[in-house]
PDB file of N, CA and C in Angstrom:
ATOM      1  N   MET A   1     -10.665   0.206 -29.432  1.00  0.00           N
ATOM      2  CA  MET A   1      -9.508  -0.059 -28.922  1.00  0.00           C
ATOM      3  C   MET A   1      -9.453   0.889 -27.886  1.00  0.00           C
ATOM      4  N   ALA A   2      -9.648   2.572 -28.102  1.00  0.00           N
ATOM      5  CA  ALA A   2      -9.330   3.391 -27.123  1.00  0.00           C
ATOM      6  C   ALA A   2     -10.384   3.097 -25.809  1.00  0.00           C
ATOM      7  N   ALA A   3     -12.155   2.763 -26.243  1.00  0.00           N
ATOM      8  CA  ALA A   3     -12.614   1.623 -25.140  1.00  0.00           C
ATOM      9  C   ALA A   3     -12.293   1.078 -24.394  1.00  0.00           C
ATOM     10  N   LEU A   4     -11.525   0.050 -24.590  1.00  0.00           N
ATOM     11  CA  LEU A   4     -11.099  -0.750 -23.967  1.00  0.00           C
ATOM     12  C   LEU A   4      -9.985  -0.863 -22.945  1.00  0.00           C
ATOM     13  N   GLN A   5      -9.307   0.031 -23.649  1.00  0.00           N
ATOM     14  CA  GLN A   5      -7.759   0.593 -22.623  1.00  0.00           C
ATOM     15  C   GLN A   5      -8.629   1.813 -21.682  1.00  0.00           C
ATOM     16  N   GLU A   6      -9.388   2.636 -21.839  1.00  0.00           N
ATOM     17  CA  GLU A   6     -10.198   3.378 -20.875  1.00  0.00           C
ATOM     18  C   GLU A   6     -10.964   1.798 -19.841  1.00  0.00           C
ATOM     19  N   PHE A   7     -11.377   1.041 -20.283  1.00  0.00           N
ATOM     20  CA  PHE A   7     -12.304   0.004 -18.991  1.00  0.00           C
ATOM     21  C   PHE A   7     -11.756  -0.659 -18.237  1.00  0.00           C
ATOM     22  N   LYS A   8      -9.960  -0.563 -18.911  1.00  0.00           N
ATOM     23  CA  LYS A   8      -8.629  -1.347 -17.965  1.00  0.00           C
ATOM     24  C   LYS A   8      -8.389  -0.325 -17.032  1.00  0.00           C
ATOM     25  N   ALA A   9      -7.766   0.883 -17.802  1.00  0.00           N
ATOM     26  CA  ALA A   9      -7.219   2.060 -16.796  1.00  0.00           C
ATOM     27  C   ALA A   9      -8.403   1.767 -15.791  1.00  0.00           C
ATOM     28  N   GLU A  10      -9.276   2.247 -15.989  1.00  0.00           N
ATOM     29  CA  GLU A  10     -11.157   2.358 -15.073  1.00  0.00           C
ATOM     30  C   GLU A  10     -10.706   1.081 -13.924  1.00  0.00           C
ATOM     31  N   LEU A  11     -10.295  -0.072 -14.453  1.00  0.00           N
ATOM     32  CA  LEU A  11     -10.923  -1.276 -13.192  1.00  0.00           C
ATOM     33  C   LEU A  11      -9.545  -0.834 -12.621  1.00  0.00           C
ATOM     34  N   PHE A  12      -8.254  -0.824 -13.036  1.00  0.00           N
ATOM     35  CA  PHE A  12      -7.106  -0.718 -12.302  1.00  0.00           C
ATOM     36  C   PHE A  12      -7.368   0.145 -11.176  1.00  0.00           C
ATOM     37  N   LYS A  13      -7.498   1.695 -12.015  1.00  0.00           N
ATOM     38  CA  LYS A  13      -8.046   2.605 -10.862  1.00  0.00           C
ATOM     39  C   LYS A  13      -9.179   2.264  -9.884  1.00  0.00           C
ATOM     40  N   ALA A  14      -9.970   1.430  -9.874  1.00  0.00           N
ATOM     41  CA  ALA A  14     -11.067   1.078  -8.970  1.00  0.00           C
ATOM     42  C   ALA A  14     -10.437   0.357  -7.966  1.00  0.00           C
ATOM     43  N   LEU A  15      -9.304  -0.692  -8.574  1.00  0.00           N
ATOM     44  CA  LEU A  15      -8.840  -1.546  -7.657  1.00  0.00           C
ATOM     45  C   LEU A  15      -7.526  -1.171  -6.752  1.00  0.00           C
ATOM     46  N   GLY A  16      -7.151  -0.084  -7.083  1.00  0.00           N
ATOM     47  CA  GLY A  16      -5.939   0.796  -6.228  1.00  0.00           C
ATOM     48  C   GLY A  16      -6.393   1.053  -5.056  1.00  0.00           C
ATOM     49  N   HIS A  17      -6.754   0.459  -4.602  1.00  0.00           N
ATOM     50  CA  HIS A  17      -6.711   0.790  -2.829  1.00  0.00           C
ATOM     51  C   HIS A  17      -6.865  -0.644  -1.997  1.00  0.00           C
ATOM     52  N   PRO A  18      -5.727  -0.639  -1.047  1.00  0.00           N
ATOM     53  CA  PRO A  18      -5.574  -1.797  -0.463  1.00  0.00           C
ATOM     54  C   PRO A  18      -6.632  -2.575   0.636  1.00  0.00           C
ATOM     55  N   VAL A  19      -7.381  -1.731   0.656  1.00  0.00           N
ATOM     56  CA  VAL A  19      -8.778  -1.834   1.722  1.00  0.00           C
ATOM     57  C   VAL A  19      -9.678  -2.423   0.580  1.00  0.00           C
ATOM     58  N   ARG A  20      -9.846  -1.750  -0.477  1.00  0.00           N
ATOM     59  CA  ARG A  20     -11.097  -2.306  -1.703  1.00  0.00           C
ATOM     60  C   ARG A  20     -10.162  -4.071  -2.256  1.00  0.00           C
ATOM     61  N   ILE A  21      -9.143  -3.932  -2.307  1.00  0.00           N
ATOM     62  CA  ILE A  21      -8.288  -5.402  -2.906  1.00  0.00           C
ATOM     63  C   ILE A  21      -8.531  -6.769  -1.478  1.00  0.00           C
ATOM     64  N   ARG A  22      -8.597  -5.756  -0.230  1.00  0.00           N
ATOM     65  CA  ARG A  22      -8.746  -6.463   1.219  1.00  0.00           C
ATOM     66  C   ARG A  22     -10.355  -7.568   0.940  1.00  0.00           C
ATOM     67  N   ILE A  23     -11.315  -6.146   0.790  1.00  0.00           N
ATOM     68  CA  ILE A  23     -12.669  -6.492   0.761  1.00  0.00           C
ATOM     69  C   ILE A  23     -12.511  -7.574  -0.249  1.00  0.00           C
ATOM     70  N   LEU A  24     -11.987  -7.438  -1.401  1.00  0.00           N
ATOM     71  CA  LEU A  24     -12.761  -8.554  -3.009  1.00  0.00           C
ATOM     72  C   LEU A  24     -11.880 -10.191  -2.494  1.00  0.00           C
ATOM     73  N   GLU A  25     -10.853  -9.888  -1.893  1.00  0.00           N
ATOM     74  CA  GLU A  25     -10.869 -11.211  -1.363  1.00  0.00           C
ATOM     75  C   GLU A  25     -11.143 -11.674  -0.258  1.00  0.00           C
ATOM     76  N   LEU A  26     -11.953 -11.020   0.650  1.00  0.00           N
ATOM     77  CA  LEU A  26     -12.691 -11.450   1.793  1.00  0.00           C
ATOM     78  C   LEU A  26     -13.929 -12.281   1.014  1.00  0.00           C
ATOM     79  N   LEU A  27     -14.631 -10.981   0.175  1.00  0.00           N
ATOM     80  CA  LEU A  27     -15.498 -11.672  -0.716  1.00  0.00           C
ATOM     81  C   LEU A  27     -15.513 -12.739  -1.578  1.00  0.00           C
ATOM     82  N   GLY A  28     -14.265 -13.121  -1.534  1.00  0.00           N
ATOM     83  CA  GLY A  28     -14.169 -14.536  -2.324  1.00  0.00           C
ATOM     84  C   GLY A  28     -14.634 -15.653  -1.762  1.00  0.00           C
ATOM     85  N   SER A  29     -14.852 -15.576  -0.665  1.00  0.00           N
ATOM     86  CA  SER A  29     -15.569 -16.794   0.293  1.00  0.00           C
ATOM     87  C   SER A  29     -16.482 -16.741   0.394  1.00  0.00           C
ATOM     88  N   GLY A  30     -17.727 -16.014  -0.039  1.00  0.00           N
ATOM     89  CA  GLY A  30     -19.105 -15.333  -0.139  1.00  0.00           C
ATOM     90  C   GLY A  30     -19.031 -14.368   0.500  1.00  0.00           C
ATOM     91  N   GLU A  31     -20.982 -14.293   0.067  1.00  0.00           N
ATOM     92  CA  GLU A  31     -21.250 -12.806   0.736  1.00  0.00           C
ATOM     93  C   GLU A  31     -20.786 -12.267   1.858  1.00  0.00           C
ATOM     94  N   LYS A  32     -20.923 -11.503   2.460  1.00  0.00           N
ATOM     95  CA  LYS A  32     -20.354 -10.669   3.606  1.00  0.00           C
ATOM     96  C   LYS A  32     -21.144  -9.244   3.804  1.00  0.00           C
ATOM     97  N   THR A  33     -21.353  -8.816   5.123  1.00  0.00           N
ATOM     98  CA  THR A  33     -22.141  -8.011   5.703  1.00  0.00           C
ATOM     99  C   THR A  33     -21.235  -7.180   5.752  1.00  0.00           C
ATOM    100  N   VAL A  34     -21.179  -5.377   6.193  1.00  0.00           N
ATOM    101  CA  VAL A  34     -20.380  -4.527   6.252  1.00  0.00           C
ATOM    102  C   VAL A  34     -19.936  -4.751   7.491  1.00  0.00           C
ATOM    103  N   SER A  35     -20.653  -5.565   8.727  1.00  0.00           N
ATOM    104  CA  SER A  35     -19.805  -5.849  10.239  1.00  0.00           C
ATOM    105  C   SER A  35     -19.263  -6.671   9.444  1.00  0.00           C
ATOM    106  N   GLU A  36     -19.426  -7.893   9.180  1.00  0.00           N
ATOM    107  CA  GLU A  36     -18.466  -8.939   8.909  1.00  0.00           C
ATOM    108  C   GLU A  36     -16.969  -8.406   8.120  1.00  0.00           C
ATOM    109  N   LEU A  37     -17.159  -7.305   7.314  1.00  0.00           N
ATOM    110  CA  LEU A  37     -15.982  -6.591   6.723  1.00  0.00           C
ATOM    111  C   LEU A  37     -15.016  -6.130   7.655  1.00  0.00           C
ATOM    112  N   GLN A  38     -15.917  -5.311   8.551  1.00  0.00           N
ATOM    113  CA  GLN A  38     -15.180  -4.366   9.179  1.00  0.00           C
ATOM    114  C   GLN A  38     -14.708  -4.948  10.195  1.00  0.00           C
ATOM    115  N   GLU A  39     -15.261  -6.347  10.873  1.00  0.00           N
ATOM    116  CA  GLU A  39     -14.295  -7.235  11.670  1.00  0.00           C
ATOM    117  C   GLU A  39     -13.094  -7.476  10.982  1.00  0.00           C
ATOM    118  N   ALA A  40     -13.429  -8.191   9.999  1.00  0.00           N
ATOM    119  CA  ALA A  40     -12.043  -8.938   9.259  1.00  0.00           C
ATOM    120  C   ALA A  40     -10.924  -7.830   9.200  1.00  0.00           C
ATOM    121  N   LEU A  41     -11.449  -6.794   8.690  1.00  0.00           N
ATOM    122  CA  LEU A  41     -10.688  -6.001   8.421  1.00  0.00           C
ATOM    123  C   LEU A  41     -10.117  -4.629   9.307  1.00  0.00           C
ATOM    124  N   GLU A  42     -10.926  -4.650  10.862  1.00  0.00           N
ATOM    125  CA  GLU A  42     -10.140  -4.324  11.883  1.00  0.00           C
ATOM    126  C   GLU A  42     -10.354  -2.624  11.657  1.00  0.00           C
ATOM    127  N   ILE A  43     -11.266  -2.504  10.676  1.00  0.00           N
ATOM    128  CA  ILE A  43     -11.192  -0.521  10.225  1.00  0.00           C
ATOM    129  C   ILE A  43     -12.734  -0.492  10.785  1.00  0.00           C
ATOM    130  N   GLU A  44     -13.058   1.243  10.717  1.00  0.00           N
ATOM    131  CA  GLU A  44     -14.577   1.538  11.171  1.00  0.00           C
ATOM    132  C   GLU A  44     -15.355   0.758   9.864  1.00  0.00           C
ATOM    133  N   ALA A  45     -16.342   0.997  10.668  1.00  0.00           N
ATOM    134  CA  ALA A  45     -17.687   0.624   9.502  1.00  0.00           C
ATOM    135  C   ALA A  45     -17.854   1.750   8.285  1.00  0.00           C
ATOM    136  N   SER A  46     -17.893   3.039   8.832  1.00  0.00           N
ATOM    137  CA  SER A  46     -17.584   3.773   7.684  1.00  0.00           C
ATOM    138  C   SER A  46     -16.585   3.885   6.639  1.00  0.00           C
ATOM    139  N   SER A  47     -15.745   3.149   6.982  1.00  0.00           N
ATOM    140  CA  SER A  47     -14.629   3.245   5.800  1.00  0.00           C
ATOM    141  C   SER A  47     -14.944   1.752   4.925  1.00  0.00           C
ATOM    142  N   VAL A  48     -15.620   1.127   5.462  1.00  0.00           N
ATOM    143  CA  VAL A  48     -16.133  -0.315   4.902  1.00  0.00           C
ATOM    144  C   VAL A  48     -16.858   0.206   3.895  1.00  0.00           C
ATOM    145  N   SER A  49     -17.980   1.206   4.353  1.00  0.00           N
ATOM    146  CA  SER A  49     -19.026   1.149   3.482  1.00  0.00           C
ATOM    147  C   SER A  49     -18.435   2.261   2.978  1.00  0.00           C
ATOM    148  N   GLN A  50     -17.931   3.477   2.761  1.00  0.00           N
ATOM    149  CA  GLN A  50     -17.278   4.339   1.675  1.00  0.00           C
ATOM    150  C   GLN A  50     -16.675   3.269   0.383  1.00  0.00           C
ATOM    151  N   GLN A  51     -15.754   2.372   1.075  1.00  0.00           N
ATOM    152  CA  GLN A  51     -15.149   2.177  -0.005  1.00  0.00           C
ATOM    153  C   GLN A  51     -16.044   0.740  -0.724  1.00  0.00           C
ATOM    154  N   LEU A  52     -17.272   0.223  -0.155  1.00  0.00           N
ATOM    155  CA  LEU A  52     -18.110  -0.814  -1.028  1.00  0.00           C
ATOM    156  C   LEU A  52     -18.778   0.254  -1.826  1.00  0.00           C
ATOM    157  N   SER A  53     -18.889   1.705  -1.326  1.00  0.00           N
ATOM    158  CA  SER A  53     -20.145   2.359  -1.997  1.00  0.00           C
ATOM    159  C   SER A  53     -19.604   2.516  -3.315  1.00  0.00           C
ATOM    160  N   LEU A  54     -17.955   2.994  -3.439  1.00  0.00           N
ATOM    161  CA  LEU A  54     -17.080   3.273  -4.524  1.00  0.00           C
ATOM    162  C   LEU A  54     -17.091   1.617  -5.273  1.00  0.00           C
ATOM    163  N   MET A  55     -16.634   0.733  -4.612  1.00  0.00           N
ATOM    164  CA  MET A  55     -17.082  -0.349  -5.535  1.00  0.00           C
ATOM    165  C   MET A  55     -18.458  -0.935  -6.430  1.00  0.00           C
ATOM    166  N   ARG A  56     -19.402  -0.399  -5.664  1.00  0.00           N
ATOM    167  CA  ARG A  56     -20.639  -0.694  -6.265  1.00  0.00           C
ATOM    168  C   ARG A  56     -20.706   0.420  -7.635  1.00  0.00           C
ATOM    169  N   ALA A  57     -20.786   1.215  -7.042  1.00  0.00           N
ATOM    170  CA  ALA A  57     -20.453   2.211  -8.347  1.00  0.00           C
ATOM    171  C   ALA A  57     -19.469   1.908  -9.947  1.00  0.00           C
ATOM    172  N   ARG A  58     -18.617   1.184  -9.597  1.00  0.00           N
ATOM    173  CA  ARG A  58     -17.604   0.807 -10.444  1.00  0.00           C
ATOM    174  C   ARG A  58     -17.752  -0.674 -10.844  1.00  0.00           C
ATOM    175  N   GLN A  59     -19.203  -1.124 -10.738  1.00  0.00           N
ATOM    176  CA  GLN A  59     -19.576  -2.325 -10.484  1.00  0.00           C
ATOM    177  C   GLN A  59     -18.225  -4.045 -10.276  1.00  0.00           C
ATOM    178  N   LEU A  60     -17.866  -3.348  -9.128  1.00  0.00           N
ATOM    179  CA  LEU A  60     -17.253  -4.486  -8.651  1.00  0.00           C
ATOM    180  C   LEU A  60     -17.248  -5.151  -7.927  1.00  0.00           C
ATOM    181  N   VAL A  61     -18.414  -4.943  -7.092  1.00  0.00           N
ATOM    182  CA  VAL A  61     -19.311  -5.618  -6.423  1.00  0.00           C
ATOM    183  C   VAL A  61     -21.242  -5.690  -6.199  1.00  0.00           C
ATOM    184  N   ASP A  62     -21.424  -6.077  -5.593  1.00  0.00           N
ATOM    185  CA  ASP A  62     -23.614  -6.583  -6.034  1.00  0.00           C
ATOM    186  C   ASP A  62     -23.683  -6.090  -4.251  1.00  0.00           C
ATOM    187  N   ALA A  63     -24.773  -6.044  -3.889  1.00  0.00           N
ATOM    188  CA  ALA A  63     -25.376  -5.820  -3.162  1.00  0.00           C
ATOM    189  C   ALA A  63     -26.869  -6.308  -3.017  1.00  0.00           C
ATOM    190  N   ARG A  64     -27.070  -7.438  -2.144  1.00  0.00           N
ATOM    191  CA  ARG A  64     -28.298  -7.933  -1.732  1.00  0.00           C
ATOM    192  C   ARG A  64     -29.390  -7.462  -0.523  1.00  0.00           C
ATOM    193  N   LYS A  65     -30.185  -7.273  -0.321  1.00  0.00           N
ATOM    194  CA  LYS A  65     -30.762  -6.855   0.999  1.00  0.00           C
ATOM    195  C   LYS A  65     -31.795  -7.927   1.576  1.00  0.00           C
ATOM    196  N   ASN A  66     -31.246  -8.142   2.842  1.00  0.00           N
ATOM    197  CA  ASN A  66     -31.836  -9.344   3.340  1.00  0.00           C
ATOM    198  C   ASN A  66     -32.586  -8.775   4.755  1.00  0.00           C
ATOM    199  N   GLY A  67     -33.865  -8.462   5.015  1.00  0.00           N
ATOM    200  CA  GLY A  67     -33.825  -8.127   6.343  1.00  0.00           C
ATOM    201  C   GLY A  67     -33.144  -6.505   6.217  1.00  0.00           C
ATOM    202  N   THR A  68     -32.553  -6.208   7.470  1.00  0.00           N
ATOM    203  CA  THR A  68     -32.057  -4.690   8.058  1.00  0.00           C
ATOM    204  C   THR A  68     -30.875  -5.262   7.892  1.00  0.00           C
ATOM    205  N   ASN A  69     -30.239  -6.712   6.752  1.00  0.00           N
ATOM    206  CA  ASN A  69     -28.440  -6.284   6.905  1.00  0.00           C
ATOM    207  C   ASN A  69     -28.532  -6.572   5.186  1.00  0.00           C
ATOM    208  N   VAL A  70     -27.346  -5.984   4.419  1.00  0.00           N
ATOM    209  CA  VAL A  70     -27.273  -5.824   3.505  1.00  0.00           C
ATOM    210  C   VAL A  70     -26.044  -6.767   3.038  1.00  0.00           C
ATOM    211  N   PHE A  71     -25.655  -7.755   1.843  1.00  0.00           N
ATOM    212  CA  PHE A  71     -24.773  -8.776   1.953  1.00  0.00           C
ATOM    213  C   PHE A  71     -24.521  -8.011   0.264  1.00  0.00           C
ATOM    214  N   TYR A  72     -22.778  -8.170   0.531  1.00  0.00           N
ATOM    215  CA  TYR A  72     -21.871  -7.726  -0.535  1.00  0.00           C
ATOM    216  C   TYR A  72     -21.640  -9.001  -1.388  1.00  0.00           C
ATOM    217  N   ALA A  73     -21.542  -9.114  -2.284  1.00  0.00           N
ATOM    218  CA  ALA A  73     -20.933 -10.224  -3.313  1.00  0.00           C
ATOM    219  C   ALA A  73     -19.718  -9.964  -4.539  1.00  0.00           C
ATOM    220  N   VAL A  74     -18.823 -10.752  -4.858  1.00  0.00           N
ATOM    221  CA  VAL A  74     -17.785  -9.807  -5.813  1.00  0.00           C
ATOM    222  C   VAL A  74     -18.745 -10.372  -7.229  1.00  0.00           C
ATOM    223  N   ARG A  75     -19.373  -9.157  -7.928  1.00  0.00           N
ATOM    224  CA  ARG A  75     -19.822  -9.070  -8.946  1.00  0.00           C
ATOM    225  C   ARG A  75     -19.690 -10.492 -10.105  1.00  0.00           C
ATOM    226  N   ASP A  76     -17.623 -10.317 -10.496  1.00  0.00           N
ATOM    227  CA  ASP A  76     -17.650 -10.967 -11.536  1.00  0.00           C
ATOM    228  C   ASP A  76     -16.273 -12.098 -11.024  1.00  0.00           C
ATOM    229  N   PRO A  77     -16.827 -13.171 -11.261  1.00  0.00           N
ATOM    230  CA  PRO A  77     -15.538 -13.518 -10.149  1.00  0.00           C
ATOM    231  C   PRO A  77     -14.306 -13.991 -11.118  1.00  0.00           C
ATOM    232  N   LEU A  78     -14.361 -13.320 -12.141  1.00  0.00           N
ATOM    233  CA  LEU A  78     -13.121 -13.139 -12.999  1.00  0.00           C
ATOM    234  C   LEU A  78     -12.062 -12.028 -11.964  1.00  0.00           C
ATOM    235  N   LEU A  79     -12.826 -10.930 -11.461  1.00  0.00           N
ATOM    236  CA  LEU A  79     -11.268 -10.598 -10.403  1.00  0.00           C
ATOM    237  C   LEU A  79     -11.055 -11.073  -9.696  1.00  0.00           C
ATOM    238  N   LEU A  80     -11.301 -11.763  -9.274  1.00  0.00           N
ATOM    239  CA  LEU A  80     -10.586 -12.616  -8.223  1.00  0.00           C
ATOM    240  C   LEU A  80      -9.378 -13.353  -8.842  1.00  0.00           C
ATOM    241  N   ASP A  81      -9.444 -13.967 -10.398  1.00  0.00           N
ATOM    242  CA  ASP A  81      -8.391 -14.501 -10.784  1.00  0.00           C
ATOM    243  C   ASP A  81      -7.426 -13.154 -11.268  1.00  0.00           C
ATOM    244  N   ILE A  82      -7.520 -11.719 -11.316  1.00  0.00           N
ATOM    245  CA  ILE A  82      -6.446 -10.515 -10.925  1.00  0.00           C
ATOM    246  C   ILE A  82      -6.336 -10.836  -9.570  1.00  0.00           C
ATOM    247  N   LEU A  83      -6.835 -10.957  -8.914  1.00  0.00           N
ATOM    248  CA  LEU A  83      -5.694 -10.928  -7.744  1.00  0.00           C
ATOM    249  C   LEU A  83      -5.240 -12.088  -7.555  1.00  0.00           C
ATOM    250  N   ALA A  84      -4.874 -13.220  -8.404  1.00  0.00           N
ATOM    251  CA  ALA A  84      -4.602 -14.335  -8.239  1.00  0.00           C
ATOM    252  C   ALA A  84      -3.407 -14.091  -8.709  1.00  0.00           C
ATOM    253  N   VAL A  85      -3.227 -13.742 -10.157  1.00  0.00           N
ATOM    254  CA  VAL A  85      -2.527 -13.107 -10.759  1.00  0.00           C
ATOM    255  C   VAL A  85      -1.480 -12.444 -10.192  1.00  0.00           C
ATOM    256  N   ALA A  86      -1.955 -11.289  -9.698  1.00  0.00           N
ATOM    257  CA  ALA A  86      -1.267 -10.114  -9.066  1.00  0.00           C
ATOM    258  C   ALA A  86      -0.345 -10.872  -7.932  1.00  0.00           C
ATOM    259  N   ARG A  87      -1.118 -11.261  -7.043  1.00  0.00           N
ATOM    260  CA  ARG A  87      -0.078 -12.174  -5.960  1.00  0.00           C
ATOM    261  C   ARG A  87       1.048 -13.224  -6.627  1.00  0.00           C
ATOM    262  N   GLN A  88       0.903 -13.907  -7.874  1.00  0.00           N
ATOM    263  CA  GLN A  88       1.532 -14.817  -8.613  1.00  0.00           C
ATOM    264  C   GLN A  88       2.726 -13.865  -9.172  1.00  0.00           C
ATOM    265  N   ILE A  89       2.616 -12.516  -9.128  1.00  0.00           N
ATOM    266  CA  ILE A  89       3.001 -12.028 -10.176  1.00  0.00           C
ATOM    267  C   ILE A  89       4.632 -10.841  -8.539  1.00  0.00           C
ATOM    268  N   PHE A  90       3.450 -10.534  -7.737  1.00  0.00           N
ATOM    269  CA  PHE A  90       4.334 -10.580  -6.715  1.00  0.00           C
ATOM    270  C   PHE A  90       5.561 -11.608  -5.997  1.00  0.00           C
ATOM    271  N   GLU A  91       4.801 -12.751  -5.839  1.00  0.00           N
ATOM    272  CA  GLU A  91       5.675 -13.680  -5.606  1.00  0.00           C
ATOM    273  C   GLU A  91       7.200 -13.927  -6.440  1.00  0.00           C
ATOM    274  N   HIS A  92       6.691 -13.793  -8.234  1.00  0.00           N
ATOM    275  CA  HIS A  92       8.019 -13.994  -8.455  1.00  0.00           C
ATOM    276  C   HIS A  92       8.626 -13.001  -8.191  1.00  0.00           C
ATOM    277  N   GLN A  93       8.609 -11.670  -8.335  1.00  0.00           N
ATOM    278  CA  GLN A  93       9.432 -10.546  -7.735  1.00  0.00           C
ATOM    279  C   GLN A  93      10.476 -10.721  -6.728  1.00  0.00           C
ATOM    280  N   VAL A  94       9.711 -11.418  -6.344  1.00  0.00           N
ATOM    281  CA  VAL A  94      10.185 -11.498  -4.843  1.00  0.00           C
ATOM    282  C   VAL A  94      11.497 -13.161  -4.730  1.00  0.00           C
ATOM    283  N   ALA A  95      11.113 -13.931  -5.294  1.00  0.00           N
ATOM    284  CA  ALA A  95      12.082 -14.805  -5.510  1.00  0.00           C
ATOM    285  C   ALA A  95      12.848 -14.475  -6.300  1.00  0.00           C
ATOM    286  N   GLN A  96      12.587 -13.265  -7.491  1.00  0.00           N
ATOM    287  CA  GLN A  96      13.890 -13.000  -8.412  1.00  0.00           C
ATOM    288  C   GLN A  96      14.974 -12.101  -7.462  1.00  0.00           C
ATOM    289  N   MET A  97      14.231 -11.195  -6.764  1.00  0.00           N
ATOM    290  CA  MET A  97      14.999 -10.722  -5.339  1.00  0.00           C
ATOM    291  C   MET A  97      15.563 -11.299  -4.915  1.00  0.00           C
ATOM    292  N   ASN A  98      14.856 -12.378  -4.128  1.00  0.00           N
ATOM    293  CA  ASN A  98      15.894 -12.752  -3.355  1.00  0.00           C
ATOM    294  C   ASN A  98      17.037 -13.377  -3.964  1.00  0.00           C
ATOM    295  N   SER A  99      16.519 -14.238  -4.949  1.00  0.00           N
ATOM    296  CA  SER A  99      17.794 -14.928  -5.812  1.00  0.00           C
ATOM    297  C   SER A  99      19.119 -13.881  -6.422  1.00  0.00           C
ATOM    298  N   LEU A 100      19.092 -12.858  -6.448  1.00  0.00           N
ATOM    299  CA  LEU A 100      19.634 -11.453  -6.820  1.00  0.00           C
ATOM    300  C   LEU A 100      20.782 -11.372  -5.405  1.00  0.00           C
ATOM    301  N   LEU A 101      19.639 -11.517  -4.111  1.00  0.00           N
ATOM    302  CA  LEU A 101      20.497 -11.186  -3.074  1.00  0.00           C
ATOM    303  C   LEU A 101      21.146 -12.411  -2.874  1.00  0.00           C
ATOM    304  N   ASP A 102      20.980 -13.633  -3.186  1.00  0.00           N
ATOM    305  CA  ASP A 102      21.755 -14.569  -2.914  1.00  0.00           C
ATOM    306  C   ASP A 102      22.769 -14.713  -3.739  1.00  0.00           C
ATOM    307  N   SER A 103      23.089 -14.353  -4.229  1.00  0.00           N
ATOM    308  CA  SER A 103      24.354 -14.433  -5.748  1.00  0.00           C
ATOM    309  C   SER A 103      25.272 -13.541  -5.495  1.00  0.00           C
ATOM    310  N   ASP A 104      24.998 -12.399  -4.399  1.00  0.00           N
ATOM    311  CA  ASP A 104      25.977 -11.286  -4.490  1.00  0.00           C
ATOM    312  C   ASP A 104      26.689 -11.484  -2.762  1.00  0.00           C
ATOM    313  N   SER A 105      25.930 -12.633  -2.076  1.00  0.00           N
ATOM    314  CA  SER A 105      26.566 -13.038  -0.783  1.00  0.00           C
ATOM    315  C   SER A 105      28.020 -13.971  -1.149  1.00  0.00           C
TER     316      SER A 105
END
């Protein structure tokens, strides 16, 4: 049981940066290069590369070299399900807060 809890903690730690989450969301539509990710994220290529390196080490993404390009992809599609559930939780909490604000008026 401790191994599972440790895995979960490490997984959420690896997901614990907004840029890494956005990279996974972008890769959800298919493979992308660093330059494609950089353009979409509007941040320095070195920052994108740094995050991708960490994500590869944590086995969140895979890399495939084709000529001079390296294409990145989500390693396990279930990661995208985790992000979708997180979005649902966010939307639910926003709806609850809006409901509380409406009831106070």
